[in-house]
PDB file of N, CA and C in Angstrom:
ATOM      1  N   GLU A   1      14.759 -34.610  12.680  1.00  0.00           N
ATOM      2  CA  GLU A   1      13.525 -35.084  12.086  1.00  0.00           C
ATOM      3  C   GLU A   1      12.355 -34.172  12.438  1.00  0.00           C
ATOM      4  N   VAL A   2      12.304 -33.725  13.683  1.00  0.00           N
ATOM      5  CA  VAL A   2      11.215 -32.840  14.101  1.00  0.00           C
ATOM      6  C   VAL A   2      11.264 -31.544  13.297  1.00  0.00           C
ATOM      7  N   TYR A   3      12.451 -30.984  13.122  1.00  0.00           N
ATOM      8  CA  TYR A   3      12.606 -29.753  12.358  1.00  0.00           C
ATOM      9  C   TYR A   3      12.110 -29.955  10.927  1.00  0.00           C
ATOM     10  N   GLY A   4      12.442 -31.078  10.326  1.00  0.00           N
ATOM     11  CA  GLY A   4      12.004 -31.374   8.968  1.00  0.00           C
ATOM     12  C   GLY A   4      10.496 -31.404   8.846  1.00  0.00           C
ATOM     13  N   VAL A   5       9.839 -32.029   9.796  1.00  0.00           N
ATOM     14  CA  VAL A   5       8.370 -32.089   9.784  1.00  0.00           C
ATOM     15  C   VAL A   5       7.786 -30.699  10.011  1.00  0.00           C
ATOM     16  N   ALA A   6       8.321 -29.984  10.988  1.00  0.00           N
ATOM     17  CA  ALA A   6       7.787 -28.660  11.341  1.00  0.00           C
ATOM     18  C   ALA A   6       7.924 -27.658  10.206  1.00  0.00           C
ATOM     19  N   THR A   7       8.964 -27.800   9.391  1.00  0.00           N
ATOM     20  CA  THR A   7       9.159 -26.858   8.291  1.00  0.00           C
ATOM     21  C   THR A   7       8.511 -27.323   6.995  1.00  0.00           C
ATOM     22  N   PHE A   8       8.130 -28.581   6.903  1.00  0.00           N
ATOM     23  CA  PHE A   8       7.514 -29.110   5.685  1.00  0.00           C
ATOM     24  C   PHE A   8       6.032 -28.755   5.600  1.00  0.00           C
ATOM     25  N   TYR A   9       5.308 -28.906   6.685  1.00  0.00           N
ATOM     26  CA  TYR A   9       3.861 -28.700   6.684  1.00  0.00           C
ATOM     27  C   TYR A   9       3.513 -27.251   7.000  1.00  0.00           C
ATOM     28  N   SER A  10       2.676 -26.653   6.152  1.00  0.00           N
ATOM     29  CA  SER A  10       2.356 -25.231   6.306  1.00  0.00           C
ATOM     30  C   SER A  10       1.531 -24.923   7.552  1.00  0.00           C
ATOM     31  N   LEU A  11       0.880 -25.921   8.125  1.00  0.00           N
ATOM     32  CA  LEU A  11       0.089 -25.661   9.327  1.00  0.00           C
ATOM     33  C   LEU A  11       0.954 -25.581  10.585  1.00  0.00           C
ATOM     34  N   PHE A  12       2.236 -25.957  10.456  1.00  0.00           N
ATOM     35  CA  PHE A  12       3.180 -25.801  11.559  1.00  0.00           C
ATOM     36  C   PHE A  12       4.013 -24.549  11.306  1.00  0.00           C
ATOM     37  N   SER A  13       4.494 -23.950  12.359  1.00  0.00           N
ATOM     38  CA  SER A  13       5.340 -22.770  12.212  1.00  0.00           C
ATOM     39  C   SER A  13       6.367 -22.729  13.333  1.00  0.00           C
ATOM     40  N   LEU A  14       7.539 -22.240  13.013  1.00  0.00           N
ATOM     41  CA  LEU A  14       8.572 -22.066  14.022  1.00  0.00           C
ATOM     42  C   LEU A  14       8.529 -20.654  14.610  1.00  0.00           C
ATOM     43  N   LYS A  15       7.735 -19.774  13.998  1.00  0.00           N
ATOM     44  CA  LYS A  15       7.583 -18.402  14.479  1.00  0.00           C
ATOM     45  C   LYS A  15       6.221 -18.255  15.148  1.00  0.00           C
ATOM     46  N   PRO A  16       6.117 -17.351  16.102  1.00  0.00           N
ATOM     47  CA  PRO A  16       4.801 -17.094  16.699  1.00  0.00           C
ATOM     48  C   PRO A  16       3.837 -16.569  15.636  1.00  0.00           C
ATOM     49  N   ARG A  17       2.599 -16.969  15.747  1.00  0.00           N
ATOM     50  CA  ARG A  17       1.567 -16.505  14.822  1.00  0.00           C
ATOM     51  C   ARG A  17       0.578 -15.639  15.575  1.00  0.00           C
ATOM     52  N   GLY A  18      -0.199 -14.899  14.798  1.00  0.00           N
ATOM     53  CA  GLY A  18      -1.199 -14.028  15.395  1.00  0.00           C
ATOM     54  C   GLY A  18      -2.377 -14.798  15.972  1.00  0.00           C
ATOM     55  N   GLU A  19      -3.199 -14.071  16.689  1.00  0.00           N
ATOM     56  CA  GLU A  19      -4.430 -14.632  17.249  1.00  0.00           C
ATOM     57  C   GLU A  19      -5.318 -15.175  16.131  1.00  0.00           C
ATOM     58  N   TYR A  20      -5.330 -14.462  14.998  1.00  0.00           N
ATOM     59  CA  TYR A  20      -6.091 -14.892  13.825  1.00  0.00           C
ATOM     60  C   TYR A  20      -5.116 -15.160  12.687  1.00  0.00           C
ATOM     61  N   VAL A  21      -5.052 -16.408  12.253  1.00  0.00           N
ATOM     62  CA  VAL A  21      -4.203 -16.776  11.122  1.00  0.00           C
ATOM     63  C   VAL A  21      -5.096 -16.812   9.891  1.00  0.00           C
ATOM     64  N   ILE A  22      -4.821 -15.906   8.964  1.00  0.00           N
ATOM     65  CA  ILE A  22      -5.611 -15.795   7.741  1.00  0.00           C
ATOM     66  C   ILE A  22      -4.842 -16.481   6.627  1.00  0.00           C
ATOM     67  N   ARG A  23      -5.422 -17.562   6.112  1.00  0.00           N
ATOM     68  CA  ARG A  23      -4.798 -18.317   5.023  1.00  0.00           C
ATOM     69  C   ARG A  23      -5.595 -18.052   3.748  1.00  0.00           C
ATOM     70  N   VAL A  24      -4.931 -17.494   2.752  1.00  0.00           N
ATOM     71  CA  VAL A  24      -5.578 -17.168   1.483  1.00  0.00           C
ATOM     72  C   VAL A  24      -5.268 -18.273   0.491  1.00  0.00           C
ATOM     73  N   CYS A  25      -6.310 -18.839  -0.085  1.00  0.00           N
ATOM     74  CA  CYS A  25      -6.148 -19.902  -1.071  1.00  0.00           C
ATOM     75  C   CYS A  25      -5.674 -19.306  -2.390  1.00  0.00           C
ATOM     76  N   ASP A  26      -4.662 -19.917  -2.990  1.00  0.00           N
ATOM     77  CA  ASP A  26      -4.183 -19.487  -4.302  1.00  0.00           C
ATOM     78  C   ASP A  26      -4.158 -20.662  -5.271  1.00  0.00           C
ATOM     79  N   SER A  27      -5.138 -21.554  -5.130  1.00  0.00           N
ATOM     80  CA  SER A  27      -5.272 -22.666  -6.079  1.00  0.00           C
ATOM     81  C   SER A  27      -5.684 -22.089  -7.436  1.00  0.00           C
ATOM     82  N   GLY A  28      -5.710 -22.916  -8.451  1.00  0.00           N
ATOM     83  CA  GLY A  28      -6.111 -22.463  -9.782  1.00  0.00           C
ATOM     84  C   GLY A  28      -7.448 -21.740  -9.787  1.00  0.00           C
ATOM     85  N   PRO A  29      -8.510 -22.373  -9.278  1.00  0.00           N
ATOM     86  CA  PRO A  29      -9.816 -21.702  -9.274  1.00  0.00           C
ATOM     87  C   PRO A  29      -9.820 -20.400  -8.469  1.00  0.00           C
ATOM     88  N   CYS A  30      -9.203 -20.395  -7.307  1.00  0.00           N
ATOM     89  CA  CYS A  30      -9.175 -19.167  -6.495  1.00  0.00           C
ATOM     90  C   CYS A  30      -8.373 -18.077  -7.207  1.00  0.00           C
ATOM     91  N   HIS A  31      -7.266 -18.479  -7.821  1.00  0.00           N
ATOM     92  CA  HIS A  31      -6.446 -17.518  -8.557  1.00  0.00           C
ATOM     93  C   HIS A  31      -7.256 -16.889  -9.690  1.00  0.00           C
ATOM     94  N   LEU A  32      -7.958 -17.728 -10.441  1.00  0.00           N
ATOM     95  CA  LEU A  32      -8.769 -17.228 -11.558  1.00  0.00           C
ATOM     96  C   LEU A  32      -9.929 -16.350 -11.099  1.00  0.00           C
ATOM     97  N   MET A  33     -10.416 -16.601  -9.891  1.00  0.00           N
ATOM     98  CA  MET A  33     -11.577 -15.861  -9.386  1.00  0.00           C
ATOM     99  C   MET A  33     -11.192 -14.653  -8.519  1.00  0.00           C
ATOM    100  N   GLY A  34      -9.908 -14.326  -8.460  1.00  0.00           N
ATOM    101  CA  GLY A  34      -9.532 -13.080  -7.806  1.00  0.00           C
ATOM    102  C   GLY A  34      -8.720 -13.162  -6.535  1.00  0.00           C
ATOM    103  N   ALA A  35      -7.990 -14.249  -6.326  1.00  0.00           N
ATOM    104  CA  ALA A  35      -7.172 -14.359  -5.110  1.00  0.00           C
ATOM    105  C   ALA A  35      -6.169 -13.214  -5.000  1.00  0.00           C
ATOM    106  N   LYS A  36      -5.654 -12.752  -6.133  1.00  0.00           N
ATOM    107  CA  LYS A  36      -4.675 -11.660  -6.097  1.00  0.00           C
ATOM    108  C   LYS A  36      -5.272 -10.420  -5.439  1.00  0.00           C
ATOM    109  N   SER A  37      -6.509 -10.088  -5.781  1.00  0.00           N
ATOM    110  CA  SER A  37      -7.130  -8.907  -5.171  1.00  0.00           C
ATOM    111  C   SER A  37      -7.401  -9.131  -3.685  1.00  0.00           C
ATOM    112  N   ILE A  38      -7.668 -10.383  -3.300  1.00  0.00           N
ATOM    113  CA  ILE A  38      -7.874 -10.703  -1.883  1.00  0.00           C
ATOM    114  C   ILE A  38      -6.575 -10.447  -1.113  1.00  0.00           C
ATOM    115  N   PHE A  39      -5.450 -10.913  -1.672  1.00  0.00           N
ATOM    116  CA  PHE A  39      -4.146 -10.651  -1.052  1.00  0.00           C
ATOM    117  C   PHE A  39      -3.919  -9.147  -0.908  1.00  0.00           C
ATOM    118  N   GLU A  40      -4.177  -8.408  -1.981  1.00  0.00           N
ATOM    119  CA  GLU A  40      -3.933  -6.965  -1.973  1.00  0.00           C
ATOM    120  C   GLU A  40      -4.766  -6.253  -0.910  1.00  0.00           C
ATOM    121  N   ILE A  41      -6.033  -6.613  -0.804  1.00  0.00           N
ATOM    122  CA  ILE A  41      -6.911  -5.993   0.192  1.00  0.00           C
ATOM    123  C   ILE A  41      -6.420  -6.303   1.602  1.00  0.00           C
ATOM    124  N   LEU A  42      -6.114  -7.575   1.855  1.00  0.00           N
ATOM    125  CA  LEU A  42      -5.661  -7.967   3.191  1.00  0.00           C
ATOM    126  C   LEU A  42      -4.336  -7.301   3.550  1.00  0.00           C
ATOM    127  N   GLU A  43      -3.410  -7.254   2.606  1.00  0.00           N
ATOM    128  CA  GLU A  43      -2.122  -6.608   2.876  1.00  0.00           C
ATOM    129  C   GLU A  43      -2.311  -5.120   3.179  1.00  0.00           C
ATOM    130  N   LYS A  44      -3.197  -4.478   2.433  1.00  0.00           N
ATOM    131  CA  LYS A  44      -3.454  -3.047   2.650  1.00  0.00           C
ATOM    132  C   LYS A  44      -4.153  -2.810   3.989  1.00  0.00           C
ATOM    133  N   GLU A  45      -5.192  -3.579   4.266  1.00  0.00           N
ATOM    134  CA  GLU A  45      -5.966  -3.400   5.500  1.00  0.00           C
ATOM    135  C   GLU A  45      -5.144  -3.726   6.750  1.00  0.00           C
ATOM    136  N   LEU A  46      -4.329  -4.776   6.664  1.00  0.00           N
ATOM    137  CA  LEU A  46      -3.557  -5.221   7.829  1.00  0.00           C
ATOM    138  C   LEU A  46      -2.175  -4.579   7.920  1.00  0.00           C
ATOM    139  N   LYS A  47      -1.753  -3.955   6.815  1.00  0.00           N
ATOM    140  CA  LYS A  47      -0.427  -3.318   6.732  1.00  0.00           C
ATOM    141  C   LYS A  47       0.705  -4.323   6.962  1.00  0.00           C
ATOM    142  N   ILE A  48       0.532  -5.517   6.389  1.00  0.00           N
ATOM    143  CA  ILE A  48       1.565  -6.557   6.428  1.00  0.00           C
ATOM    144  C   ILE A  48       1.600  -7.252   5.074  1.00  0.00           C
ATOM    145  N   LYS A  49       2.639  -8.028   4.853  1.00  0.00           N
ATOM    146  CA  LYS A  49       2.770  -8.851   3.652  1.00  0.00           C
ATOM    147  C   LYS A  49       2.532 -10.308   4.033  1.00  0.00           C
ATOM    148  N   VAL A  50       2.368 -11.153   3.017  1.00  0.00           N
ATOM    149  CA  VAL A  50       2.208 -12.590   3.245  1.00  0.00           C
ATOM    150  C   VAL A  50       3.412 -13.098   4.035  1.00  0.00           C
ATOM    151  N   GLY A  51       3.133 -13.891   5.067  1.00  0.00           N
ATOM    152  CA  GLY A  51       4.186 -14.437   5.917  1.00  0.00           C
ATOM    153  C   GLY A  51       4.475 -13.594   7.146  1.00  0.00           C
ATOM    154  N   GLU A  52       3.802 -12.448   7.258  1.00  0.00           N
ATOM    155  CA  GLU A  52       4.050 -11.558   8.389  1.00  0.00           C
ATOM    156  C   GLU A  52       2.884 -11.560   9.375  1.00  0.00           C
ATOM    157  N   THR A  53       3.156 -11.029  10.555  1.00  0.00           N
ATOM    158  CA  THR A  53       2.155 -10.878  11.612  1.00  0.00           C
ATOM    159  C   THR A  53       2.085  -9.405  11.986  1.00  0.00           C
ATOM    160  N   THR A  54       0.885  -8.925  12.252  1.00  0.00           N
ATOM    161  CA  THR A  54       0.721  -7.524  12.636  1.00  0.00           C
ATOM    162  C   THR A  54       1.473  -7.241  13.936  1.00  0.00           C
ATOM    163  N   ALA A  55       1.864  -5.987  14.105  1.00  0.00           N
ATOM    164  CA  ALA A  55       2.646  -5.584  15.282  1.00  0.00           C
ATOM    165  C   ALA A  55       1.916  -5.877  16.589  1.00  0.00           C
ATOM    166  N   ASP A  56       0.583  -5.814  16.561  1.00  0.00           N
ATOM    167  CA  ASP A  56      -0.190  -6.077  17.784  1.00  0.00           C
ATOM    168  C   ASP A  56      -0.402  -7.569  18.044  1.00  0.00           C
ATOM    169  N   GLY A  57       0.095  -8.416  17.132  1.00  0.00           N
ATOM    170  CA  GLY A  57      -0.011  -9.863  17.315  1.00  0.00           C
ATOM    171  C   GLY A  57      -1.392 -10.437  17.057  1.00  0.00           C
ATOM    172  N   ARG A  58      -2.254  -9.678  16.415  1.00  0.00           N
ATOM    173  CA  ARG A  58      -3.621 -10.159  16.194  1.00  0.00           C
ATOM    174  C   ARG A  58      -3.768 -10.968  14.906  1.00  0.00           C
ATOM    175  N   PHE A  59      -3.066 -10.578  13.822  1.00  0.00           N
ATOM    176  CA  PHE A  59      -3.285 -11.210  12.527  1.00  0.00           C
ATOM    177  C   PHE A  59      -1.980 -11.679  11.893  1.00  0.00           C
ATOM    178  N   THR A  60      -2.023 -12.880  11.326  1.00  0.00           N
ATOM    179  CA  THR A  60      -0.938 -13.411  10.503  1.00  0.00           C
ATOM    180  C   THR A  60      -1.539 -13.718   9.144  1.00  0.00           C
ATOM    181  N   LEU A  61      -0.825 -13.375   8.081  1.00  0.00           N
ATOM    182  CA  LEU A  61      -1.304 -13.594   6.718  1.00  0.00           C
ATOM    183  C   LEU A  61      -0.439 -14.650   6.037  1.00  0.00           C
ATOM    184  N   GLU A  62      -1.090 -15.692   5.529  1.00  0.00           N
ATOM    185  CA  GLU A  62      -0.375 -16.788   4.865  1.00  0.00           C
ATOM    186  C   GLU A  62      -1.054 -17.153   3.552  1.00  0.00           C
ATOM    187  N   GLU A  63      -0.290 -17.768   2.668  1.00  0.00           N
ATOM    188  CA  GLU A  63      -0.804 -18.289   1.403  1.00  0.00           C
ATOM    189  C   GLU A  63      -0.835 -19.807   1.491  1.00  0.00           C
ATOM    190  N   VAL A  64      -1.918 -20.414   1.005  1.00  0.00           N
ATOM    191  CA  VAL A  64      -2.018 -21.875   0.962  1.00  0.00           C
ATOM    192  C   VAL A  64      -2.387 -22.309  -0.450  1.00  0.00           C
ATOM    193  N   SER A  65      -2.088 -23.564  -0.754  1.00  0.00           N
ATOM    194  CA  SER A  65      -2.323 -24.086  -2.098  1.00  0.00           C
ATOM    195  C   SER A  65      -3.785 -24.366  -2.388  1.00  0.00           C
ATOM    196  N   CYS A  66      -4.514 -24.884  -1.414  1.00  0.00           N
ATOM    197  CA  CYS A  66      -5.917 -25.215  -1.653  1.00  0.00           C
ATOM    198  C   CYS A  66      -6.636 -25.408  -0.322  1.00  0.00           C
ATOM    199  N   LEU A  67      -7.855 -24.885  -0.255  1.00  0.00           N
ATOM    200  CA  LEU A  67      -8.680 -25.070   0.940  1.00  0.00           C
ATOM    201  C   LEU A  67      -9.783 -26.095   0.709  1.00  0.00           C
ATOM    202  N   GLY A  68      -9.888 -26.589  -0.516  1.00  0.00           N
ATOM    203  CA  GLY A  68     -10.851 -27.652  -0.800  1.00  0.00           C
ATOM    204  C   GLY A  68     -12.275 -27.193  -1.051  1.00  0.00           C
ATOM    205  N   ILE A  69     -12.473 -25.901  -1.271  1.00  0.00           N
ATOM    206  CA  ILE A  69     -13.824 -25.431  -1.609  1.00  0.00           C
ATOM    207  C   ILE A  69     -13.774 -24.637  -2.921  1.00  0.00           C
ATOM    208  N   CYS A  70     -13.252 -25.274  -3.939  1.00  0.00           N
ATOM    209  CA  CYS A  70     -13.048 -24.623  -5.232  1.00  0.00           C
ATOM    210  C   CYS A  70     -14.347 -24.065  -5.822  1.00  0.00           C
ATOM    211  N   ASN A  71     -15.465 -24.666  -5.472  1.00  0.00           N
ATOM    212  CA  ASN A  71     -16.750 -24.180  -5.985  1.00  0.00           C
ATOM    213  C   ASN A  71     -17.168 -22.863  -5.333  1.00  0.00           C
ATOM    214  N   GLU A  72     -16.426 -22.407  -4.316  1.00  0.00           N
ATOM    215  CA  GLU A  72     -16.734 -21.144  -3.644  1.00  0.00           C
ATOM    216  C   GLU A  72     -15.566 -20.161  -3.741  1.00  0.00           C
ATOM    217  N   ALA A  73     -14.784 -20.280  -4.796  1.00  0.00           N
ATOM    218  CA  ALA A  73     -13.608 -19.424  -4.980  1.00  0.00           C
ATOM    219  C   ALA A  73     -14.023 -17.970  -5.219  1.00  0.00           C
ATOM    220  N   PRO A  74     -13.193 -17.028  -4.751  1.00  0.00           N
ATOM    221  CA  PRO A  74     -11.987 -17.173  -3.947  1.00  0.00           C
ATOM    222  C   PRO A  74     -12.321 -17.397  -2.478  1.00  0.00           C
ATOM    223  N   ALA A  75     -11.387 -18.036  -1.776  1.00  0.00           N
ATOM    224  CA  ALA A  75     -11.658 -18.435  -0.394  1.00  0.00           C
ATOM    225  C   ALA A  75     -10.474 -18.140   0.523  1.00  0.00           C
ATOM    226  N   ILE A  76     -10.803 -17.967   1.798  1.00  0.00           N
ATOM    227  CA  ILE A  76      -9.795 -17.844   2.842  1.00  0.00           C
ATOM    228  C   ILE A  76     -10.217 -18.714   4.018  1.00  0.00           C
ATOM    229  N   MET A  77      -9.253 -19.020   4.873  1.00  0.00           N
ATOM    230  CA  MET A  77      -9.548 -19.701   6.127  1.00  0.00           C
ATOM    231  C   MET A  77      -8.945 -18.849   7.244  1.00  0.00           C
ATOM    232  N   ILE A  78      -9.764 -18.543   8.238  1.00  0.00           N
ATOM    233  CA  ILE A  78      -9.289 -17.803   9.400  1.00  0.00           C
ATOM    234  C   ILE A  78      -9.384 -18.745  10.579  1.00  0.00           C
ATOM    235  N   ASN A  79      -8.220 -19.095  11.114  1.00  0.00           N
ATOM    236  CA  ASN A  79      -8.105 -20.156  12.111  1.00  0.00           C
ATOM    237  C   ASN A  79      -8.758 -21.408  11.523  1.00  0.00           C
ATOM    238  N   GLU A  80      -9.876 -21.864  12.022  1.00  0.00           N
ATOM    239  CA  GLU A  80     -10.492 -23.094  11.500  1.00  0.00           C
ATOM    240  C   GLU A  80     -11.750 -22.831  10.679  1.00  0.00           C
ATOM    241  N   LYS A  81     -12.095 -21.564  10.459  1.00  0.00           N
ATOM    242  CA  LYS A  81     -13.328 -21.231   9.744  1.00  0.00           C
ATOM    243  C   LYS A  81     -13.015 -20.804   8.315  1.00  0.00           C
ATOM    244  N   VAL A  82     -13.748 -21.389   7.351  1.00  0.00           N
ATOM    245  CA  VAL A  82     -13.528 -21.103   5.940  1.00  0.00           C
ATOM    246  C   VAL A  82     -14.599 -20.135   5.440  1.00  0.00           C
ATOM    247  N   PHE A  83     -14.161 -19.181   4.621  1.00  0.00           N
ATOM    248  CA  PHE A  83     -15.052 -18.202   4.004  1.00  0.00           C
ATOM    249  C   PHE A  83     -14.858 -18.279   2.498  1.00  0.00           C
ATOM    250  N   GLY A  84     -15.955 -18.365   1.748  1.00  0.00           N
ATOM    251  CA  GLY A  84     -15.864 -18.447   0.297  1.00  0.00           C
ATOM    252  C   GLY A  84     -16.680 -17.379  -0.396  1.00  0.00           C
ATOM    253  N   ASN A  85     -16.601 -17.382  -1.731  1.00  0.00           N
ATOM    254  CA  ASN A  85     -17.299 -16.402  -2.573  1.00  0.00           C
ATOM    255  C   ASN A  85     -16.994 -14.982  -2.105  1.00  0.00           C
ATOM    256  N   LEU A  86     -15.723 -14.720  -1.871  1.00  0.00           N
ATOM    257  CA  LEU A  86     -15.327 -13.449  -1.275  1.00  0.00           C
ATOM    258  C   LEU A  86     -15.329 -12.296  -2.262  1.00  0.00           C
ATOM    259  N   THR A  87     -15.668 -11.149  -1.743  1.00  0.00           N
ATOM    260  CA  THR A  87     -15.598  -9.880  -2.462  1.00  0.00           C
ATOM    261  C   THR A  87     -14.796  -8.927  -1.581  1.00  0.00           C
ATOM    262  N   PRO A  88     -14.332  -7.818  -2.135  1.00  0.00           N
ATOM    263  CA  PRO A  88     -13.632  -6.846  -1.292  1.00  0.00           C
ATOM    264  C   PRO A  88     -14.481  -6.414  -0.092  1.00  0.00           C
ATOM    265  N   GLN A  89     -15.762  -6.196  -0.305  1.00  0.00           N
ATOM    266  CA  GLN A  89     -16.645  -5.782   0.788  1.00  0.00           C
ATOM    267  C   GLN A  89     -16.733  -6.861   1.875  1.00  0.00           C
ATOM    268  N   LYS A  90     -16.868  -8.126   1.470  1.00  0.00           N
ATOM    269  CA  LYS A  90     -16.940  -9.216   2.457  1.00  0.00           C
ATOM    270  C   LYS A  90     -15.659  -9.299   3.283  1.00  0.00           C
ATOM    271  N   ILE A  91     -14.519  -9.127   2.628  1.00  0.00           N
ATOM    272  CA  ILE A  91     -13.232  -9.164   3.334  1.00  0.00           C
ATOM    273  C   ILE A  91     -13.199  -8.072   4.401  1.00  0.00           C
ATOM    274  N   ARG A  92     -13.586  -6.876   4.014  1.00  0.00           N
ATOM    275  CA  ARG A  92     -13.564  -5.758   4.969  1.00  0.00           C
ATOM    276  C   ARG A  92     -14.530  -5.993   6.125  1.00  0.00           C
ATOM    277  N   GLU A  93     -15.692  -6.574   5.847  1.00  0.00           N
ATOM    278  CA  GLU A  93     -16.663  -6.881   6.904  1.00  0.00           C
ATOM    279  C   GLU A  93     -16.109  -7.918   7.882  1.00  0.00           C
ATOM    280  N   ILE A  94     -15.469  -8.951   7.347  1.00  0.00           N
ATOM    281  CA  ILE A  94     -14.878  -9.995   8.197  1.00  0.00           C
ATOM    282  C   ILE A  94     -13.821  -9.381   9.114  1.00  0.00           C
ATOM    283  N   LEU A  95     -12.944  -8.553   8.545  1.00  0.00           N
ATOM    284  CA  LEU A  95     -11.902  -7.914   9.352  1.00  0.00           C
ATOM    285  C   LEU A  95     -12.505  -6.994  10.410  1.00  0.00           C
ATOM    286  N   ARG A  96     -13.544  -6.268  10.042  1.00  0.00           N
ATOM    287  CA  ARG A  96     -14.212  -5.378  11.006  1.00  0.00           C
ATOM    288  C   ARG A  96     -14.738  -6.168  12.200  1.00  0.00           C
ATOM    289  N   GLU A  97     -15.371  -7.304  11.916  1.00  0.00           N
ATOM    290  CA  GLU A  97     -15.912  -8.151  12.992  1.00  0.00           C
ATOM    291  C   GLU A  97     -14.797  -8.710  13.879  1.00  0.00           C
ATOM    292  N   LEU A  98     -13.712  -9.150  13.270  1.00  0.00           N
ATOM    293  CA  LEU A  98     -12.600  -9.699  14.052  1.00  0.00           C
ATOM    294  C   LEU A  98     -11.950  -8.628  14.923  1.00  0.00           C
ATOM    295  N   ARG A  99     -11.837  -7.433  14.393  1.00  0.00           N
ATOM    296  CA  ARG A  99     -11.220  -6.339  15.158  1.00  0.00           C
ATOM    297  C   ARG A  99     -12.060  -5.946  16.367  1.00  0.00           C
ATOM    298  N   LYS A 100     -13.372  -6.149  16.287  1.00  0.00           N
ATOM    299  CA  LYS A 100     -14.265  -5.828  17.412  1.00  0.00           C
ATOM    300  C   LYS A 100     -14.043  -6.765  18.593  1.00  0.00           C
ATOM    301  N   LYS A 101     -13.647  -8.000  18.305  1.00  0.00           N
ATOM    302  CA  LYS A 101     -13.451  -8.998  19.361  1.00  0.00           C
ATOM    303  C   LYS A 101     -12.206  -8.669  20.164  1.00  0.00           C
ATOM    304  N   LYS A 102     -12.272  -8.927  21.428  1.00  0.00           N
ATOM    305  CA  LYS A 102     -11.111  -8.655  22.297  1.00  0.00           C
ATOM    306  C   LYS A 102     -10.439  -9.932  22.703  1.00  0.00           C
TER     307      LYS A 102
END
């Protein structure tokens, strides 16, 4: 039963995750507003694919169905903080700030 619950809910994982878990929303509104380009930028910048964690253990990239802020699409959630109205430049700035933290 525990295994069933742990594998059903996306917020649980059986694998270790990075220090920063980046969840990219791919709901209808986010998809229409450019979620695909957000995935592409993150995969390129982090050198990982969705479902993977960087070799240094800092970042994990995941896809989620909805973050509940459709009016600010496209959106991501990093750990517990949500970012909306994203552009390629904003994504790069967010990653730059996270990389500065130790």
